Amino acid sequence: MLRTGILTAVSAAVVGLGGVLVACGGGGPGGGYTAVGTGQGGPTAVAPSGSVTLVPLDRQPHGTGPAAPARPGTPRSATPESPPTSASTSASAPTSAPPVEVTSGTPQSGGGPGGRTTPPAASPSPAPSRTTPAPTPADLSWGDPATEDTDKRWCQKVTVGFHNTGGTAVRSGSVTFGTHIIGALGIDWGTVGSTVELPVPLAPGARRSPAWTVCVDAWRVPLGMHIETRDVSVEWD
């Protein structure tokens, strides 16, 4: 009788353990929870004395083994574990770039193929502006008069040379002669003035030697006297 009771207790323990294993390995929509207590057993099974606690199991990826049962009162991790980092992906990438070929005499640049670039062509320098200087005003000069006697003692031929050394032409002017009356003994009895028009225009750099016949009143030159034109003055614009 004692041996039969022992076998019955062992059978009940095995049946209870099997119920626990079935509850832990259950999968599906309603699975993932473990009921802590006793399953259906024999007549010697003891009912739980407290409330039943349901603890969710950690979900495992498809194809992996079953997760270890969670302890009662321990919450499931909210974030999935990070996959282990592969040694091939954790290796550092090379930081140095391959060498660039540089042709001698050309600056190194990464913009052109092979690191070579052509320097920009130098822009031609602007030609200096040429400004025409303003012309200088007229500058007229003249020499001493050259005289010749005529068949009349009160008239004389007078030639004067003119030269415009300025940058502008002489457009107008007048010439005034001073004619002296000389007596028989060489005495200067007086000077008579006469004015004639200046031959214009006189271009810049032009030279001209016009001649005039200068006469005084005949009564001013009695017999034995003559005239000499010595003075010349010019007014010009």
Protein backbone atom coordinates (compact mmCIF):
# COMPACT_ATOMS: atom_id res chain seq x y z
CA MET A 1 0.00 0.00 0.00
CA LEU A 2 2.82 2.44 0.71
CA ARG A 3 4.47 1.75 -2.71
CA THR A 4 1.23 2.51 -4.52
CA GLY A 5 0.91 5.93 -2.86
CA ILE A 6 4.46 6.87 -3.85
CA LEU A 7 3.82 6.00 -7.54
CA THR A 8 0.66 8.05 -7.53
CA ALA A 9 2.46 11.14 -6.21
CA VAL A 10 5.21 10.85 -8.80
CA SER A 11 2.66 10.55 -11.61
CA ALA A 12 0.86 13.66 -10.44
CA ALA A 13 4.11 15.66 -10.39
CA VAL A 14 4.96 14.58 -13.94
CA VAL A 15 1.53 15.52 -15.21
CA GLY A 16 1.77 18.97 -13.54
CA LEU A 17 5.21 19.61 -15.07
CA GLY A 18 3.87 18.67 -18.47
CA GLY A 19 1.08 21.19 -18.15
CA VAL A 20 3.58 23.92 -17.32
CA LEU A 21 5.74 23.09 -20.34
CA VAL A 22 2.75 23.10 -22.66
CA ALA A 23 1.72 26.54 -21.37
CA CYS A 24 5.27 27.93 -21.89
CA GLY A 25 5.66 26.66 -25.45
CA GLY A 26 2.32 27.77 -26.70
CA GLY A 27 2.44 30.20 -29.66
CA GLY A 28 -0.09 32.00 -31.75
CA PRO A 29 -2.32 34.99 -31.38
CA GLY A 30 -3.22 34.22 -27.84
CA GLY A 31 0.18 32.86 -26.83
CA GLY A 32 3.15 34.52 -25.26
CA TYR A 33 1.84 34.28 -21.66
CA THR A 34 2.57 31.76 -18.90
CA ALA A 35 0.01 30.81 -16.30
CA VAL A 36 1.78 30.12 -13.06
CA GLY A 37 -0.14 27.43 -11.24
CA THR A 38 -1.06 23.79 -11.62
CA GLY A 39 -2.60 22.17 -14.63
CA GLN A 40 -5.07 19.39 -14.77
CA GLY A 41 -3.65 16.59 -12.76
CA GLY A 42 -4.66 13.63 -10.77
CA PRO A 43 -6.63 13.56 -7.64
CA THR A 44 -3.59 14.64 -5.63
CA ALA A 45 -3.23 18.04 -7.44
CA VAL A 46 -3.34 21.04 -5.13
CA ALA A 47 -5.24 24.19 -6.19
CA PRO A 48 -3.33 27.49 -6.13
CA SER A 49 -3.75 29.49 -3.02
CA GLY A 50 -3.26 32.97 -4.58
CA SER A 51 -4.26 34.90 -7.72
CA VAL A 52 -2.90 33.86 -11.13
CA THR A 53 -0.31 36.22 -12.65
CA LEU A 54 0.14 36.43 -16.46
CA VAL A 55 3.60 37.43 -17.60
CA PRO A 56 4.18 38.20 -21.38
CA LEU A 57 7.06 36.38 -23.04
CA ASP A 58 9.71 38.22 -25.13
CA ARG A 59 8.87 37.93 -28.81
CA GLN A 60 11.59 36.27 -30.85
CA PRO A 61 12.34 36.82 -34.58
CA HIS A 62 11.00 34.20 -36.96
CA GLY A 63 13.27 31.27 -37.18
CA THR A 64 14.95 31.68 -33.77
CA GLY A 65 14.59 29.45 -30.78
CA PRO A 66 12.11 30.04 -27.96
CA ALA A 67 12.87 32.81 -25.54
CA ALA A 68 13.67 32.15 -21.96
CA PRO A 69 10.62 32.44 -19.74
CA ALA A 70 10.31 35.74 -18.01
CA ARG A 71 10.21 35.95 -14.31
CA PRO A 72 6.98 37.03 -12.69
CA GLY A 73 6.81 40.79 -12.17
CA THR A 74 9.56 41.54 -14.72
CA PRO A 75 8.30 43.76 -17.66
CA ARG A 76 9.26 42.88 -21.23
CA SER A 77 11.83 45.12 -22.87
CA ALA A 78 10.17 47.84 -24.98
CA THR A 79 13.01 48.21 -27.48
CA PRO A 80 14.44 45.39 -29.59
CA GLU A 81 18.00 44.45 -29.09
CA SER A 82 20.41 45.98 -31.57
CA PRO A 83 21.95 43.47 -33.94
CA PRO A 84 25.64 42.88 -33.36
CA THR A 85 27.91 45.05 -35.40
CA SER A 86 29.78 43.18 -38.07
CA ALA A 87 33.51 43.45 -38.09
CA SER A 88 33.45 44.26 -41.81
CA THR A 89 31.08 47.22 -41.37
CA SER A 90 32.86 48.61 -38.28
CA ALA A 91 36.18 48.93 -40.10
CA SER A 92 37.07 52.53 -40.76
CA ALA A 93 36.97 53.72 -44.38
CA PRO A 94 40.22 55.05 -45.83
CA THR A 95 40.48 58.80 -45.34
CA SER A 96 43.29 59.57 -47.79
CA ALA A 97 42.42 60.15 -51.47
CA PRO A 98 44.51 58.56 -54.24
CA PRO A 99 47.40 60.71 -55.46
CA VAL A 100 46.65 63.22 -58.25
CA GLU A 101 48.96 63.53 -61.21
CA VAL A 102 50.24 67.08 -61.73
CA THR A 103 51.99 68.13 -64.90
CA SER A 104 55.11 70.20 -64.37
CA GLY A 105 54.57 73.87 -64.96
CA THR A 106 50.81 73.83 -64.37
CA PRO A 107 49.12 74.63 -61.05
CA GLN A 108 47.43 71.73 -59.23
CA SER A 109 43.67 71.96 -59.24
CA GLY A 110 40.85 69.55 -58.69
CA GLY A 111 38.57 71.20 -61.25
CA GLY A 112 40.03 69.71 -64.46
CA PRO A 113 40.67 66.11 -65.48
CA GLY A 114 43.74 64.57 -63.86
CA GLY A 115 44.16 67.67 -61.64
CA ARG A 116 45.46 69.81 -64.53
CA THR A 117 44.03 73.19 -65.43
CA THR A 118 44.84 75.91 -67.92
CA PRO A 119 45.48 79.42 -66.53
CA PRO A 120 43.06 82.04 -67.88
CA ALA A 121 44.29 84.15 -70.75
CA ALA A 122 45.44 87.59 -69.73
CA SER A 123 43.05 90.30 -70.86
CA PRO A 124 44.64 92.91 -73.10
CA SER A 125 45.41 96.18 -71.45
CA PRO A 126 43.24 99.04 -72.64
CA ALA A 127 45.01 101.33 -75.03
CA PRO A 128 45.77 104.73 -73.54
CA SER A 129 43.37 107.36 -74.66
CA ARG A 130 44.81 109.90 -76.98
CA THR A 131 43.46 113.37 -76.48
CA THR A 132 44.15 116.07 -78.97
CA PRO A 133 45.63 119.07 -77.22
CA ALA A 134 43.83 122.35 -77.63
CA PRO A 135 45.42 124.52 -80.32
CA THR A 136 47.57 127.36 -79.12
CA PRO A 137 46.56 130.89 -80.07
CA ALA A 138 48.13 132.74 -82.99
CA ASP A 139 51.56 134.27 -82.46
CA LEU A 140 52.57 136.69 -85.19
CA SER A 141 56.06 138.14 -85.56
CA TRP A 142 57.58 140.46 -88.21
CA GLY A 143 60.92 141.85 -89.19
CA ASP A 144 62.37 145.24 -90.06
CA PRO A 145 61.01 146.85 -93.24
CA ALA A 146 62.99 146.59 -96.42
CA THR A 147 62.61 149.79 -98.60
CA GLU A 148 63.14 150.69 -102.22
CA ASP A 149 62.99 154.19 -103.84
CA THR A 150 60.49 154.90 -106.57
CA ASP A 151 60.44 157.52 -109.34
CA LYS A 152 58.68 159.83 -106.88
CA ARG A 153 60.64 161.24 -103.95
CA TRP A 154 57.55 161.21 -101.70
CA CYS A 155 56.79 157.48 -102.31
CA GLN A 156 58.69 154.34 -101.29
CA LYS A 157 58.22 150.58 -101.71
CA VAL A 158 58.21 148.81 -98.33
CA THR A 159 58.44 145.02 -97.78
CA VAL A 160 57.82 143.38 -94.39
CA GLY A 161 58.17 139.70 -93.51
CA PHE A 162 55.59 138.04 -91.22
CA HIS A 163 55.65 134.66 -89.47
CA ASN A 164 52.83 133.05 -87.50
CA THR A 165 54.42 130.75 -84.92
CA GLY A 166 51.16 130.00 -83.07
CA GLY A 167 48.65 127.17 -83.48
CA THR A 168 45.78 129.31 -84.76
CA ALA A 169 45.52 131.32 -87.96
CA VAL A 170 45.61 135.11 -87.93
CA ARG A 171 42.21 136.24 -89.18
CA SER A 172 42.52 140.02 -89.23
CA GLY A 173 44.94 142.90 -88.53
CA SER A 174 46.51 146.13 -89.68
CA VAL A 175 50.02 147.44 -90.29
CA THR A 176 51.08 151.00 -89.43
CA PHE A 177 54.20 152.50 -90.99
CA GLY A 178 56.23 155.36 -89.65
CA THR A 179 57.76 157.33 -92.57
CA HIS A 180 60.47 159.88 -91.75
CA ILE A 181 61.11 162.99 -93.86
CA ILE A 182 64.83 163.53 -94.26
CA GLY A 183 66.34 166.89 -95.36
CA ALA A 184 69.24 167.47 -97.72
CA LEU A 185 71.70 167.54 -94.81
CA GLY A 186 70.28 164.34 -93.24
CA ILE A 187 68.13 166.13 -90.71
CA ASP A 188 64.92 164.27 -89.67
CA TRP A 189 62.21 166.84 -90.06
CA GLY A 190 59.34 164.68 -88.89
CA THR A 191 57.50 161.31 -89.13
CA VAL A 192 54.29 160.64 -91.00
CA GLY A 193 52.20 157.55 -90.17
CA SER A 194 50.14 155.49 -92.58
CA THR A 195 48.05 152.33 -92.02
CA VAL A 196 47.32 149.43 -94.36
CA GLU A 197 45.42 146.14 -93.99
CA LEU A 198 47.34 143.03 -92.96
CA PRO A 199 47.12 140.31 -95.61
CA VAL A 200 45.12 137.57 -93.92
CA PRO A 201 44.60 134.79 -93.19
CA LEU A 202 47.98 133.71 -91.98
CA ALA A 203 47.84 130.00 -91.17
CA PRO A 204 49.79 128.47 -88.25
CA GLY A 205 53.47 128.30 -89.23
CA ALA A 206 52.92 130.40 -92.36
CA ARG A 207 55.44 132.92 -93.57
CA ARG A 208 54.57 135.84 -95.84
CA SER A 209 56.45 138.96 -97.11
CA PRO A 210 54.00 141.41 -98.68
CA ALA A 211 55.08 144.76 -100.19
CA TRP A 212 53.33 148.16 -100.12
CA THR A 213 53.96 151.50 -101.75
CA VAL A 214 54.01 154.06 -98.97
CA CYS A 215 53.55 157.73 -99.94
CA VAL A 216 53.29 161.03 -98.05
CA ASP A 217 52.03 164.39 -99.25
CA ALA A 218 54.26 165.72 -102.01
CA TRP A 219 54.55 169.18 -100.46
CA ARG A 220 56.16 167.57 -97.38
CA VAL A 221 59.12 166.51 -99.47
CA PRO A 222 60.59 169.56 -101.28
CA LEU A 223 63.27 169.23 -103.87
CA GLY A 224 66.47 167.84 -102.37
CA MET A 225 64.61 165.92 -99.56
CA HIS A 226 63.48 162.26 -99.40
CA ILE A 227 61.53 159.82 -97.20
CA GLU A 228 62.59 156.76 -95.21
CA THR A 229 60.04 154.27 -93.74
CA ARG A 230 61.72 152.98 -90.63
CA ASP A 231 58.98 152.03 -88.18
CA VAL A 232 56.44 149.19 -88.43
CA SER A 233 53.72 148.28 -85.89
CA VAL A 234 51.10 145.55 -86.30
CA GLU A 235 47.73 144.88 -84.67
CA TRP A 236 46.21 141.44 -85.29
CA ASP A 237 43.59 139.03 -84.02
